[in-house]
Amino acid sequence: MHNSYSSHHTTPASQSDEGLIASLLNFPMTPYVLGILVWMGAWWLQMGPARPLFNFAPGVELPFFPAGVRTLAVFAFGFPGAIGIFIGSLVTYFLYFPEMLSVSPIGTIGCAAASAFSSYVAMRLVCVYKQIPPSLESLTLRNVGWIVVTQSLLSASLHQFLYHSEQLTTDYVAEPLSTTLFNWGAMATGDALGSMAVIFAVLIGYRIYTSKNSH
């Protein structure tokens, strides 16, 4: 995980901007606050105005853009970033996911933990397997893809298990195995597509920002 932010010398204005960004990113509470706020914003977009477009089944969005937020949170801040997502998940469930109101407290905490920590666990597993250092200096786009796929499969598996255990809606009561597998595959696909869409959007935005400040 990147624990510090280093600036590159370009123009005085951009150097000042980068210094401000570095100060904000290195502030101890930033991983938690930023994780909560960005996660809530992503959920507002996904489950508010955009839900009719992307809702596939109760608890399944295709694609699910907040998955990209949690992936970036653990890339940038590691475990503290995951904690921020966990807290944000508990809040957003009650704001934008009315089906969760019928779930037990243990089920709610379990779903929030699955959302927040699946990305962190996936990142650690891939980093250990690929011998990537904690600084993520040798992280490649292919490794990012492995992390995205792994966390999508893990998150979808945990969520579908909890949805069935808690009988989230009538769709998850006595559901045929074929429907369960179909929803599981749709959830994993939605997480992967959402993650890659957000990551590529951030990379493109960063490239545009740096190209403008280099002139």
N, C-alpha and C. Protein backbone atom coordinates (compact mmCIF):
# COMPACT_ATOMS: atom_id res chain seq x y z
N MET A 1 0.84 -1.19 0.00
CA MET A 1 0.00 0.00 0.00
C MET A 1 0.87 1.24 0.00
N HIS A 2 0.41 2.25 -0.64
CA HIS A 2 1.15 3.50 -0.66
C HIS A 2 0.84 4.26 0.62
N ASN A 3 1.85 4.47 1.46
CA ASN A 3 1.66 5.18 2.71
C ASN A 3 1.99 6.66 2.59
N SER A 4 2.59 7.08 1.49
CA SER A 4 2.93 8.48 1.31
C SER A 4 2.72 8.85 -0.14
N TYR A 5 2.65 10.13 -0.38
CA TYR A 5 2.40 10.64 -1.72
C TYR A 5 3.54 11.57 -2.07
N SER A 6 4.22 11.32 -3.17
CA SER A 6 5.34 12.15 -3.58
C SER A 6 4.94 12.99 -4.77
N SER A 7 5.39 14.22 -4.82
CA SER A 7 5.05 15.12 -5.90
C SER A 7 6.18 15.20 -6.91
N HIS A 8 5.81 15.58 -8.15
CA HIS A 8 6.77 15.73 -9.22
C HIS A 8 6.85 17.21 -9.57
N HIS A 9 8.06 17.71 -9.84
CA HIS A 9 8.24 19.12 -10.11
C HIS A 9 7.79 19.43 -11.54
N THR A 10 6.77 20.25 -11.65
CA THR A 10 6.32 20.71 -12.96
C THR A 10 6.26 22.22 -12.93
N THR A 11 5.06 22.77 -12.83
CA THR A 11 4.91 24.22 -12.72
C THR A 11 4.65 24.57 -11.27
N PRO A 12 4.89 25.84 -10.87
CA PRO A 12 4.63 26.23 -9.47
C PRO A 12 3.20 25.96 -9.05
N ALA A 13 2.23 26.22 -9.95
CA ALA A 13 0.83 26.00 -9.60
C ALA A 13 0.54 24.53 -9.37
N SER A 14 1.03 23.69 -10.29
CA SER A 14 0.77 22.25 -10.14
C SER A 14 1.51 21.68 -8.94
N GLN A 15 2.71 22.24 -8.66
CA GLN A 15 3.46 21.78 -7.50
C GLN A 15 2.72 22.11 -6.21
N SER A 16 2.09 23.28 -6.18
CA SER A 16 1.29 23.66 -5.01
C SER A 16 0.09 22.75 -4.86
N ASP A 17 -0.57 22.43 -5.99
CA ASP A 17 -1.72 21.53 -5.96
C ASP A 17 -1.31 20.15 -5.45
N GLU A 18 -0.18 19.66 -5.94
CA GLU A 18 0.28 18.33 -5.54
C GLU A 18 0.67 18.31 -4.06
N GLY A 19 1.23 19.43 -3.58
CA GLY A 19 1.56 19.50 -2.16
C GLY A 19 0.32 19.44 -1.29
N LEU A 20 -0.75 20.12 -1.73
CA LEU A 20 -2.01 20.08 -0.99
C LEU A 20 -2.60 18.68 -0.99
N ILE A 21 -2.56 18.03 -2.17
CA ILE A 21 -3.08 16.66 -2.28
C ILE A 21 -2.28 15.72 -1.39
N ALA A 22 -0.94 15.90 -1.38
CA ALA A 22 -0.09 15.04 -0.54
C ALA A 22 -0.44 15.21 0.92
N SER A 23 -0.66 16.44 1.36
CA SER A 23 -1.01 16.70 2.75
C SER A 23 -2.33 16.04 3.13
N LEU A 24 -3.30 16.13 2.21
CA LEU A 24 -4.61 15.53 2.48
C LEU A 24 -4.52 14.01 2.53
N LEU A 25 -3.78 13.42 1.59
CA LEU A 25 -3.69 11.96 1.54
C LEU A 25 -2.92 11.40 2.73
N ASN A 26 -1.99 12.17 3.26
CA ASN A 26 -1.19 11.69 4.39
C ASN A 26 -1.82 11.99 5.74
N PHE A 27 -2.95 12.69 5.75
CA PHE A 27 -3.65 12.96 7.01
C PHE A 27 -4.20 11.65 7.56
N PRO A 28 -4.01 11.35 8.85
CA PRO A 28 -4.36 10.02 9.39
C PRO A 28 -5.82 9.60 9.17
N MET A 29 -6.75 10.56 9.19
CA MET A 29 -8.16 10.21 9.07
C MET A 29 -8.65 10.12 7.62
N THR A 30 -7.79 10.50 6.67
CA THR A 30 -8.21 10.53 5.27
C THR A 30 -8.71 9.18 4.75
N PRO A 31 -8.03 8.05 5.01
CA PRO A 31 -8.53 6.78 4.49
C PRO A 31 -9.95 6.46 4.94
N TYR A 32 -10.27 6.79 6.17
CA TYR A 32 -11.59 6.48 6.70
C TYR A 32 -12.64 7.44 6.15
N VAL A 33 -12.35 8.73 6.22
CA VAL A 33 -13.31 9.74 5.77
C VAL A 33 -13.54 9.65 4.27
N LEU A 34 -12.44 9.55 3.52
CA LEU A 34 -12.56 9.49 2.06
C LEU A 34 -13.26 8.21 1.63
N GLY A 35 -12.92 7.10 2.29
CA GLY A 35 -13.58 5.84 1.97
C GLY A 35 -15.08 5.91 2.17
N ILE A 36 -15.50 6.50 3.29
CA ILE A 36 -16.93 6.63 3.58
C ILE A 36 -17.61 7.53 2.56
N LEU A 37 -17.05 8.71 2.31
CA LEU A 37 -17.70 9.69 1.45
C LEU A 37 -17.77 9.24 0.00
N VAL A 38 -16.66 8.71 -0.51
CA VAL A 38 -16.65 8.28 -1.92
C VAL A 38 -17.55 7.06 -2.11
N TRP A 39 -17.54 6.15 -1.14
CA TRP A 39 -18.42 4.98 -1.21
C TRP A 39 -19.88 5.40 -1.21
N MET A 40 -20.24 6.33 -0.34
CA MET A 40 -21.61 6.80 -0.28
C MET A 40 -22.01 7.52 -1.57
N GLY A 41 -21.08 8.27 -2.15
CA GLY A 41 -21.36 8.94 -3.41
C GLY A 41 -21.58 7.95 -4.53
N ALA A 42 -20.75 6.91 -4.57
CA ALA A 42 -20.90 5.88 -5.61
C ALA A 42 -22.22 5.13 -5.45
N TRP A 43 -22.60 4.87 -4.21
CA TRP A 43 -23.88 4.19 -3.97
C TRP A 43 -25.05 5.09 -4.32
N TRP A 44 -24.94 6.37 -4.05
CA TRP A 44 -26.01 7.29 -4.41
C TRP A 44 -26.24 7.26 -5.92
N LEU A 45 -25.15 7.26 -6.68
CA LEU A 45 -25.27 7.21 -8.13
C LEU A 45 -25.83 5.87 -8.60
N GLN A 46 -25.30 4.78 -8.02
CA GLN A 46 -25.70 3.44 -8.45
C GLN A 46 -27.14 3.10 -8.05
N MET A 47 -27.48 3.38 -6.81
CA MET A 47 -28.78 2.95 -6.28
C MET A 47 -29.84 4.04 -6.34
N GLY A 48 -29.44 5.24 -6.75
CA GLY A 48 -30.41 6.32 -6.90
C GLY A 48 -30.82 6.50 -8.34
N PRO A 49 -30.26 7.51 -9.01
CA PRO A 49 -30.67 7.80 -10.39
C PRO A 49 -30.41 6.65 -11.36
N ALA A 50 -29.35 5.88 -11.15
CA ALA A 50 -28.96 4.87 -12.13
C ALA A 50 -29.53 3.48 -11.87
N ARG A 51 -30.22 3.28 -10.74
CA ARG A 51 -30.64 1.92 -10.41
C ARG A 51 -31.58 1.30 -11.44
N PRO A 52 -32.55 2.05 -11.99
CA PRO A 52 -33.40 1.41 -13.01
C PRO A 52 -32.63 0.88 -14.21
N LEU A 53 -31.46 1.47 -14.48
CA LEU A 53 -30.68 1.05 -15.63
C LEU A 53 -29.85 -0.20 -15.34
N PHE A 54 -29.36 -0.32 -14.10
CA PHE A 54 -28.37 -1.35 -13.81
C PHE A 54 -28.85 -2.45 -12.86
N ASN A 55 -30.05 -2.33 -12.29
CA ASN A 55 -30.52 -3.36 -11.36
C ASN A 55 -30.86 -4.64 -12.11
N PHE A 56 -30.23 -5.73 -11.72
CA PHE A 56 -30.42 -7.02 -12.39
C PHE A 56 -31.34 -7.93 -11.59
N ALA A 57 -31.14 -7.94 -10.27
CA ALA A 57 -31.94 -8.73 -9.33
C ALA A 57 -31.74 -8.08 -7.96
N PRO A 58 -32.58 -8.42 -6.97
CA PRO A 58 -32.38 -7.83 -5.64
C PRO A 58 -30.96 -8.08 -5.12
N GLY A 59 -30.22 -6.98 -4.90
CA GLY A 59 -28.85 -7.10 -4.42
C GLY A 59 -27.82 -7.35 -5.51
N VAL A 60 -28.25 -7.35 -6.77
CA VAL A 60 -27.34 -7.60 -7.89
C VAL A 60 -27.44 -6.45 -8.89
N GLU A 61 -26.32 -5.73 -9.08
CA GLU A 61 -26.28 -4.63 -10.04
C GLU A 61 -25.28 -4.98 -11.14
N LEU A 62 -25.63 -4.65 -12.37
CA LEU A 62 -24.78 -5.03 -13.50
C LEU A 62 -24.64 -3.85 -14.46
N PRO A 63 -23.49 -3.14 -14.43
CA PRO A 63 -22.33 -3.30 -13.56
C PRO A 63 -22.53 -2.60 -12.21
N PHE A 64 -21.64 -2.92 -11.26
CA PHE A 64 -21.70 -2.34 -9.92
C PHE A 64 -20.48 -1.45 -9.73
N PHE A 65 -20.66 -0.14 -9.95
CA PHE A 65 -19.54 0.79 -9.94
C PHE A 65 -18.89 0.99 -8.57
N PRO A 66 -19.62 0.91 -7.44
CA PRO A 66 -18.93 1.03 -6.15
C PRO A 66 -17.84 -0.01 -5.93
N ALA A 67 -17.90 -1.13 -6.66
CA ALA A 67 -16.84 -2.12 -6.54
C ALA A 67 -15.49 -1.52 -6.91
N GLY A 68 -15.49 -0.61 -7.89
CA GLY A 68 -14.24 0.05 -8.27
C GLY A 68 -13.74 0.98 -7.19
N VAL A 69 -14.67 1.59 -6.44
CA VAL A 69 -14.28 2.48 -5.35
C VAL A 69 -13.56 1.70 -4.25
N ARG A 70 -14.10 0.54 -3.89
CA ARG A 70 -13.45 -0.23 -2.82
C ARG A 70 -12.10 -0.78 -3.29
N THR A 71 -11.98 -1.11 -4.58
CA THR A 71 -10.70 -1.57 -5.09
C THR A 71 -9.66 -0.46 -5.00
N LEU A 72 -10.02 0.74 -5.42
CA LEU A 72 -9.10 1.87 -5.35
C LEU A 72 -8.78 2.24 -3.90
N ALA A 73 -9.75 2.08 -3.01
CA ALA A 73 -9.54 2.42 -1.61
C ALA A 73 -8.45 1.56 -0.99
N VAL A 74 -8.47 0.26 -1.28
CA VAL A 74 -7.44 -0.60 -0.70
C VAL A 74 -6.10 -0.43 -1.43
N PHE A 75 -6.13 -0.09 -2.72
CA PHE A 75 -4.88 0.21 -3.41
C PHE A 75 -4.20 1.42 -2.78
N ALA A 76 -4.98 2.45 -2.51
CA ALA A 76 -4.42 3.71 -2.02
C ALA A 76 -4.09 3.69 -0.54
N PHE A 77 -4.97 3.04 0.27
CA PHE A 77 -4.84 3.17 1.73
C PHE A 77 -4.72 1.83 2.46
N GLY A 78 -4.85 0.71 1.77
CA GLY A 78 -4.73 -0.57 2.43
C GLY A 78 -5.89 -0.86 3.38
N PHE A 79 -5.57 -1.44 4.53
CA PHE A 79 -6.60 -1.85 5.48
C PHE A 79 -7.44 -0.67 5.99
N PRO A 80 -6.85 0.50 6.30
CA PRO A 80 -7.69 1.63 6.71
C PRO A 80 -8.72 2.02 5.65
N GLY A 81 -8.34 1.91 4.38
CA GLY A 81 -9.30 2.19 3.32
C GLY A 81 -10.45 1.21 3.33
N ALA A 82 -10.16 -0.06 3.62
CA ALA A 82 -11.21 -1.07 3.71
C ALA A 82 -12.15 -0.78 4.88
N ILE A 83 -11.59 -0.30 5.99
CA ILE A 83 -12.43 0.06 7.14
C ILE A 83 -13.37 1.20 6.78
N GLY A 84 -12.87 2.18 6.03
CA GLY A 84 -13.73 3.27 5.58
C GLY A 84 -14.88 2.76 4.72
N ILE A 85 -14.59 1.82 3.83
CA ILE A 85 -15.64 1.22 3.00
C ILE A 85 -16.63 0.45 3.86
N PHE A 86 -16.13 -0.24 4.88
CA PHE A 86 -17.00 -1.01 5.77
C PHE A 86 -18.00 -0.09 6.46
N ILE A 87 -17.51 1.02 7.01
CA ILE A 87 -18.41 1.97 7.69
C ILE A 87 -19.39 2.56 6.69
N GLY A 88 -18.88 2.94 5.51
CA GLY A 88 -19.76 3.48 4.48
C GLY A 88 -20.82 2.49 4.04
N SER A 89 -20.48 1.20 4.00
CA SER A 89 -21.44 0.17 3.61
C SER A 89 -22.59 0.08 4.60
N LEU A 90 -22.27 0.15 5.89
CA LEU A 90 -23.33 0.09 6.90
C LEU A 90 -24.31 1.24 6.74
N VAL A 91 -23.79 2.42 6.37
CA VAL A 91 -24.65 3.58 6.19
C VAL A 91 -25.49 3.46 4.93
N THR A 92 -24.84 3.10 3.83
CA THR A 92 -25.55 3.08 2.55
C THR A 92 -26.60 1.98 2.47
N TYR A 93 -26.40 0.88 3.19
CA TYR A 93 -27.42 -0.17 3.18
C TYR A 93 -28.78 0.39 3.61
N PHE A 94 -28.77 1.22 4.64
CA PHE A 94 -30.03 1.74 5.17
C PHE A 94 -30.53 2.94 4.37
N LEU A 95 -29.65 3.60 3.63
CA LEU A 95 -30.07 4.74 2.83
C LEU A 95 -30.59 4.34 1.46
N TYR A 96 -29.93 3.37 0.81
CA TYR A 96 -30.22 3.07 -0.59
C TYR A 96 -30.59 1.62 -0.87
N PHE A 97 -30.64 0.78 0.15
CA PHE A 97 -30.87 -0.65 -0.09
C PHE A 97 -31.97 -1.11 0.87
N PRO A 98 -33.25 -0.79 0.58
CA PRO A 98 -34.34 -1.08 1.52
C PRO A 98 -34.50 -2.56 1.84
N GLU A 99 -34.06 -3.43 0.93
CA GLU A 99 -34.17 -4.86 1.19
C GLU A 99 -33.38 -5.28 2.43
N MET A 100 -32.33 -4.51 2.78
CA MET A 100 -31.50 -4.86 3.93
C MET A 100 -32.18 -4.58 5.26
N LEU A 101 -33.30 -3.87 5.25
CA LEU A 101 -33.99 -3.55 6.50
C LEU A 101 -34.55 -4.80 7.17
N SER A 102 -34.77 -5.86 6.39
CA SER A 102 -35.30 -7.10 6.95
C SER A 102 -34.22 -8.08 7.38
N VAL A 103 -32.96 -7.70 7.19
CA VAL A 103 -31.83 -8.58 7.50
C VAL A 103 -31.41 -8.39 8.95
N SER A 104 -30.95 -9.46 9.58
CA SER A 104 -30.49 -9.39 10.96
C SER A 104 -29.23 -8.54 11.06
N PRO A 105 -28.92 -8.02 12.27
CA PRO A 105 -27.69 -7.24 12.43
C PRO A 105 -26.44 -8.00 12.01
N ILE A 106 -26.40 -9.30 12.31
CA ILE A 106 -25.23 -10.10 11.91
C ILE A 106 -25.13 -10.17 10.39
N GLY A 107 -26.29 -10.35 9.73
CA GLY A 107 -26.29 -10.41 8.28
C GLY A 107 -25.86 -9.09 7.66
N THR A 108 -26.31 -7.99 8.24
CA THR A 108 -25.94 -6.67 7.74
C THR A 108 -24.44 -6.43 7.88
N ILE A 109 -23.91 -6.75 9.06
CA ILE A 109 -22.47 -6.58 9.29
C ILE A 109 -21.68 -7.51 8.37
N GLY A 110 -22.19 -8.72 8.15
CA GLY A 110 -21.52 -9.66 7.27
C GLY A 110 -21.47 -9.16 5.83
N CYS A 111 -22.57 -8.60 5.34
CA CYS A 111 -22.60 -8.06 3.98
C CYS A 111 -21.66 -6.87 3.85
N ALA A 112 -21.63 -6.01 4.87
CA ALA A 112 -20.73 -4.85 4.84
C ALA A 112 -19.27 -5.31 4.85
N ALA A 113 -18.98 -6.33 5.65
CA ALA A 113 -17.62 -6.86 5.70
C ALA A 113 -17.23 -7.50 4.37
N ALA A 114 -18.17 -8.21 3.75
CA ALA A 114 -17.89 -8.82 2.45
C ALA A 114 -17.59 -7.75 1.41
N SER A 115 -18.34 -6.65 1.45
CA SER A 115 -18.11 -5.55 0.51
C SER A 115 -16.74 -4.91 0.74
N ALA A 116 -16.41 -4.67 1.99
CA ALA A 116 -15.22 -3.89 2.30
C ALA A 116 -13.93 -4.70 2.22
N PHE A 117 -13.94 -5.90 2.77
CA PHE A 117 -12.69 -6.61 2.95
C PHE A 117 -12.37 -7.62 1.86
N SER A 118 -13.33 -7.89 0.95
CA SER A 118 -13.04 -8.81 -0.15
C SER A 118 -11.93 -8.26 -1.04
N SER A 119 -11.96 -6.95 -1.29
CA SER A 119 -10.90 -6.35 -2.12
C SER A 119 -9.55 -6.41 -1.41
N TYR A 120 -9.55 -6.15 -0.10
CA TYR A 120 -8.29 -6.17 0.64
C TYR A 120 -7.70 -7.58 0.67
N VAL A 121 -8.53 -8.57 0.94
CA VAL A 121 -8.05 -9.96 0.98
C VAL A 121 -7.54 -10.37 -0.40
N ALA A 122 -8.30 -10.01 -1.45
CA ALA A 122 -7.88 -10.37 -2.80
C ALA A 122 -6.54 -9.72 -3.15
N MET A 123 -6.38 -8.45 -2.78
CA MET A 123 -5.13 -7.76 -3.06
C MET A 123 -3.96 -8.42 -2.34
N ARG A 124 -4.15 -8.78 -1.08
CA ARG A 124 -3.06 -9.41 -0.33
C ARG A 124 -2.71 -10.78 -0.91
N LEU A 125 -3.72 -11.54 -1.30
CA LEU A 125 -3.46 -12.87 -1.88
C LEU A 125 -2.68 -12.76 -3.18
N VAL A 126 -3.11 -11.86 -4.05
CA VAL A 126 -2.42 -11.70 -5.34
C VAL A 126 -1.02 -11.15 -5.12
N CYS A 127 -0.86 -10.21 -4.19
CA CYS A 127 0.47 -9.65 -3.92
C CYS A 127 1.43 -10.70 -3.38
N VAL A 128 0.93 -11.56 -2.51
CA VAL A 128 1.78 -12.63 -1.99
C VAL A 128 2.14 -13.62 -3.09
N TYR A 129 1.15 -13.99 -3.91
CA TYR A 129 1.39 -14.97 -4.97
C TYR A 129 2.34 -14.41 -6.04
N LYS A 130 2.17 -13.13 -6.37
CA LYS A 130 2.99 -12.51 -7.41
C LYS A 130 4.24 -11.84 -6.85
N GLN A 131 4.43 -11.93 -5.53
CA GLN A 131 5.60 -11.35 -4.85
C GLN A 131 5.69 -9.84 -5.12
N ILE A 132 4.57 -9.17 -4.96
CA ILE A 132 4.49 -7.72 -5.13
C ILE A 132 4.74 -7.09 -3.76
N PRO A 133 5.64 -6.12 -3.64
CA PRO A 133 5.93 -5.51 -2.34
C PRO A 133 4.77 -4.69 -1.82
N PRO A 134 4.74 -4.41 -0.51
CA PRO A 134 3.64 -3.62 0.08
C PRO A 134 3.46 -2.24 -0.56
N SER A 135 4.53 -1.69 -1.13
CA SER A 135 4.43 -0.38 -1.78
C SER A 135 3.68 -0.44 -3.11
N LEU A 136 3.45 -1.66 -3.62
CA LEU A 136 2.76 -1.88 -4.91
C LEU A 136 3.54 -1.30 -6.08
N GLU A 137 4.85 -1.09 -5.92
CA GLU A 137 5.65 -0.46 -6.98
C GLU A 137 5.69 -1.29 -8.26
N SER A 138 5.65 -2.61 -8.15
CA SER A 138 5.73 -3.45 -9.34
C SER A 138 4.36 -3.94 -9.80
N LEU A 139 3.30 -3.29 -9.32
CA LEU A 139 1.95 -3.68 -9.71
C LEU A 139 1.72 -3.36 -11.18
N THR A 140 1.26 -4.33 -11.95
CA THR A 140 0.97 -4.14 -13.37
C THR A 140 -0.54 -4.18 -13.59
N LEU A 141 -0.95 -3.78 -14.79
CA LEU A 141 -2.38 -3.81 -15.13
C LEU A 141 -2.91 -5.24 -15.10
N ARG A 142 -2.06 -6.19 -15.49
CA ARG A 142 -2.48 -7.60 -15.42
C ARG A 142 -2.72 -8.03 -13.98
N ASN A 143 -1.85 -7.60 -13.06
CA ASN A 143 -2.05 -7.91 -11.65
C ASN A 143 -3.32 -7.27 -11.11
N VAL A 144 -3.58 -6.03 -11.55
CA VAL A 144 -4.83 -5.37 -11.16
C VAL A 144 -6.02 -6.20 -11.63
N GLY A 145 -5.93 -6.73 -12.86
CA GLY A 145 -7.01 -7.57 -13.37
C GLY A 145 -7.22 -8.81 -12.51
N TRP A 146 -6.12 -9.44 -12.07
CA TRP A 146 -6.23 -10.60 -11.19
C TRP A 146 -6.90 -10.24 -9.87
N ILE A 147 -6.53 -9.09 -9.33
CA ILE A 147 -7.13 -8.64 -8.06
C ILE A 147 -8.62 -8.38 -8.25
N VAL A 148 -8.98 -7.73 -9.34
CA VAL A 148 -10.39 -7.42 -9.61
C VAL A 148 -11.21 -8.70 -9.75
N VAL A 149 -10.71 -9.66 -10.51
CA VAL A 149 -11.44 -10.92 -10.71
C VAL A 149 -11.56 -11.68 -9.40
N THR A 150 -10.47 -11.75 -8.64
CA THR A 150 -10.48 -12.49 -7.37
C THR A 150 -11.45 -11.87 -6.37
N GLN A 151 -11.41 -10.54 -6.24
CA GLN A 151 -12.31 -9.90 -5.28
C GLN A 151 -13.75 -9.97 -5.74
N SER A 152 -13.99 -9.98 -7.04
CA SER A 152 -15.36 -10.09 -7.55
C SER A 152 -15.94 -11.46 -7.24
N LEU A 153 -15.17 -12.51 -7.45
CA LEU A 153 -15.64 -13.86 -7.15
C LEU A 153 -15.85 -14.04 -5.64
N LEU A 154 -14.93 -13.52 -4.84
CA LEU A 154 -15.04 -13.66 -3.39
C LEU A 154 -16.24 -12.89 -2.86
N SER A 155 -16.39 -11.64 -3.30
CA SER A 155 -17.50 -10.82 -2.83
C SER A 155 -18.85 -11.41 -3.24
N ALA A 156 -18.95 -11.84 -4.49
CA ALA A 156 -20.20 -12.42 -4.97
C ALA A 156 -20.56 -13.69 -4.20
N SER A 157 -19.57 -14.52 -3.91
CA SER A 157 -19.81 -15.76 -3.17
C SER A 157 -20.32 -15.47 -1.76
N LEU A 158 -19.66 -14.54 -1.08
CA LEU A 158 -20.06 -14.20 0.29
C LEU A 158 -21.44 -13.54 0.31
N HIS A 159 -21.70 -12.63 -0.62
CA HIS A 159 -22.99 -11.96 -0.65
C HIS A 159 -24.13 -12.92 -0.95
N GLN A 160 -23.94 -13.78 -1.94
CA GLN A 160 -25.01 -14.72 -2.28
C GLN A 160 -25.29 -15.68 -1.12
N PHE A 161 -24.24 -16.09 -0.42
CA PHE A 161 -24.43 -16.95 0.75
C PHE A 161 -25.26 -16.23 1.81
N LEU A 162 -24.91 -14.98 2.08
CA LEU A 162 -25.63 -14.21 3.10
C LEU A 162 -27.05 -13.87 2.65
N TYR A 163 -27.24 -13.56 1.37
CA TYR A 163 -28.59 -13.27 0.88
C TYR A 163 -29.50 -14.47 1.06
N HIS A 164 -28.99 -15.66 0.79
CA HIS A 164 -29.80 -16.87 0.96
C HIS A 164 -30.00 -17.20 2.43
N SER A 165 -28.96 -17.05 3.22
CA SER A 165 -29.08 -17.34 4.65
C SER A 165 -30.08 -16.42 5.33
N GLU A 166 -30.11 -15.16 4.91
CA GLU A 166 -31.00 -14.18 5.51
C GLU A 166 -32.33 -14.08 4.77
N GLN A 167 -32.45 -14.80 3.65
CA GLN A 167 -33.67 -14.73 2.83
C GLN A 167 -34.00 -13.27 2.53
N LEU A 168 -33.05 -12.62 1.86
CA LEU A 168 -33.12 -11.18 1.60
C LEU A 168 -34.47 -10.76 1.03
N THR A 169 -34.93 -11.46 0.01
CA THR A 169 -36.27 -11.27 -0.55
C THR A 169 -36.84 -12.63 -0.90
N THR A 170 -38.07 -12.65 -1.38
CA THR A 170 -38.67 -13.92 -1.77
C THR A 170 -37.91 -14.59 -2.91
N ASP A 171 -37.13 -13.80 -3.65
CA ASP A 171 -36.32 -14.37 -4.73
C ASP A 171 -35.25 -15.31 -4.21
N TYR A 172 -34.91 -15.17 -2.92
CA TYR A 172 -33.85 -16.00 -2.35
C TYR A 172 -34.41 -17.09 -1.43
N VAL A 173 -35.70 -17.36 -1.53
CA VAL A 173 -36.33 -18.42 -0.75
C VAL A 173 -36.63 -19.59 -1.70
N ALA A 174 -36.09 -20.75 -1.39
CA ALA A 174 -36.29 -21.96 -2.22
C ALA A 174 -35.97 -21.68 -3.68
N GLU A 175 -34.89 -20.96 -3.90
CA GLU A 175 -34.48 -20.61 -5.26
C GLU A 175 -33.78 -21.80 -5.91
N PRO A 176 -34.11 -22.12 -7.16
CA PRO A 176 -33.43 -23.23 -7.84
C PRO A 176 -31.93 -22.98 -7.94
N LEU A 177 -31.16 -24.05 -7.95
CA LEU A 177 -29.70 -23.93 -8.01
C LEU A 177 -29.27 -23.17 -9.26
N SER A 178 -29.96 -23.40 -10.37
CA SER A 178 -29.58 -22.72 -11.61
C SER A 178 -29.73 -21.20 -11.47
N THR A 179 -30.79 -20.75 -10.79
CA THR A 179 -31.00 -19.32 -10.59
C THR A 179 -29.94 -18.76 -9.64
N THR A 180 -29.60 -19.52 -8.61
CA THR A 180 -28.56 -19.10 -7.67
C THR A 180 -27.23 -18.89 -8.39
N LEU A 181 -26.85 -19.86 -9.20
CA LEU A 181 -25.59 -19.76 -9.94
C LEU A 181 -25.63 -18.61 -10.94
N PHE A 182 -26.80 -18.40 -11.55
CA PHE A 182 -26.94 -17.31 -12.51
C PHE A 182 -26.76 -15.96 -11.83
N ASN A 183 -27.42 -15.78 -10.67
CA ASN A 183 -27.28 -14.53 -9.93
C ASN A 183 -25.86 -14.33 -9.40
N TRP A 184 -25.24 -15.43 -8.97
CA TRP A 184 -23.85 -15.36 -8.51
C TRP A 184 -22.94 -14.90 -9.64
N GLY A 185 -23.11 -15.49 -10.82
CA GLY A 185 -22.30 -15.10 -11.97
C GLY A 185 -22.54 -13.65 -12.38
N ALA A 186 -23.82 -13.22 -12.31
CA ALA A 186 -24.15 -11.84 -12.66
C ALA A 186 -23.53 -10.86 -11.67
N MET A 187 -23.55 -11.21 -10.38
CA MET A 187 -22.97 -10.32 -9.37
C MET A 187 -21.46 -10.22 -9.54
N ALA A 188 -20.80 -11.34 -9.77
CA ALA A 188 -19.35 -11.32 -9.96
C ALA A 188 -18.99 -10.53 -11.22
N THR A 189 -19.76 -10.70 -12.28
CA THR A 189 -19.52 -9.96 -13.51
C THR A 189 -19.74 -8.47 -13.31
N GLY A 190 -20.81 -8.12 -12.58
CA GLY A 190 -21.11 -6.72 -12.32
C GLY A 190 -20.01 -6.06 -11.51
N ASP A 191 -19.48 -6.77 -10.51
CA ASP A 191 -18.38 -6.23 -9.70
C ASP A 191 -17.13 -6.01 -10.56
N ALA A 192 -16.81 -7.01 -11.40
CA ALA A 192 -15.61 -6.90 -12.23
C ALA A 192 -15.73 -5.77 -13.24
N LEU A 193 -16.88 -5.67 -13.90
CA LEU A 193 -17.08 -4.60 -14.89
C LEU A 193 -17.06 -3.22 -14.22
N GLY A 194 -17.72 -3.11 -13.06
CA GLY A 194 -17.73 -1.84 -12.35
C GLY A 194 -16.34 -1.43 -11.89
N SER A 195 -15.57 -2.40 -11.40
CA SER A 195 -14.21 -2.10 -10.93
C SER A 195 -13.34 -1.61 -12.08
N MET A 196 -13.35 -2.33 -13.19
CA MET A 196 -12.50 -1.95 -14.31
C MET A 196 -12.92 -0.61 -14.90
N ALA A 197 -14.24 -0.35 -14.95
CA ALA A 197 -14.72 0.93 -15.48
C ALA A 197 -14.21 2.09 -14.64
N VAL A 198 -14.29 1.96 -13.31
CA VAL A 198 -13.83 3.03 -12.42
C VAL A 198 -12.32 3.20 -12.50
N ILE A 199 -11.60 2.08 -12.51
CA ILE A 199 -10.13 2.15 -12.55
C ILE A 199 -9.66 2.81 -13.84
N PHE A 200 -10.24 2.42 -14.97
CA PHE A 200 -9.85 3.03 -16.24
C PHE A 200 -10.23 4.50 -16.30
N ALA A 201 -11.37 4.85 -15.72
CA ALA A 201 -11.79 6.26 -15.68
C ALA A 201 -10.79 7.09 -14.88
N VAL A 202 -10.33 6.55 -13.75
CA VAL A 202 -9.35 7.27 -12.93
C VAL A 202 -8.01 7.39 -13.65
N LEU A 203 -7.59 6.31 -14.31
CA LEU A 203 -6.32 6.35 -15.05
C LEU A 203 -6.37 7.37 -16.19
N ILE A 204 -7.49 7.40 -16.91
CA ILE A 204 -7.64 8.36 -18.00
C ILE A 204 -7.65 9.79 -17.46
N GLY A 205 -8.39 10.00 -16.35
CA GLY A 205 -8.43 11.32 -15.74
C GLY A 205 -7.06 11.77 -15.27
N TYR A 206 -6.31 10.83 -14.68
CA TYR A 206 -4.96 11.17 -14.21
C TYR A 206 -4.04 11.51 -15.37
N ARG A 207 -4.16 10.77 -16.46
CA ARG A 207 -3.33 11.04 -17.64
C ARG A 207 -3.64 12.42 -18.22
N ILE A 208 -4.92 12.76 -18.28
CA ILE A 208 -5.32 14.08 -18.79
C ILE A 208 -4.79 15.17 -17.88
N TYR A 209 -4.90 14.95 -16.56
CA TYR A 209 -4.44 15.95 -15.59
C TYR A 209 -2.94 16.18 -15.70
N THR A 210 -2.17 15.10 -15.78
CA THR A 210 -0.71 15.23 -15.85
C THR A 210 -0.27 15.82 -17.18
N SER A 211 -0.96 15.49 -18.26
CA SER A 211 -0.58 16.03 -19.56
C SER A 211 -0.82 17.53 -19.63
N LYS A 212 -1.90 18.00 -18.98
CA LYS A 212 -2.18 19.43 -18.97
C LYS A 212 -1.17 20.20 -18.13
N ASN A 213 -0.74 19.61 -17.00
CA ASN A 213 0.19 20.29 -16.10
C ASN A 213 1.64 20.20 -16.58
N SER A 214 1.90 19.36 -17.58
CA SER A 214 3.27 19.24 -18.08
C SER A 214 3.57 20.27 -19.15
N HIS A 215 2.53 20.99 -19.60
CA HIS A 215 2.74 22.01 -20.63
C HIS A 215 2.78 23.41 -20.01
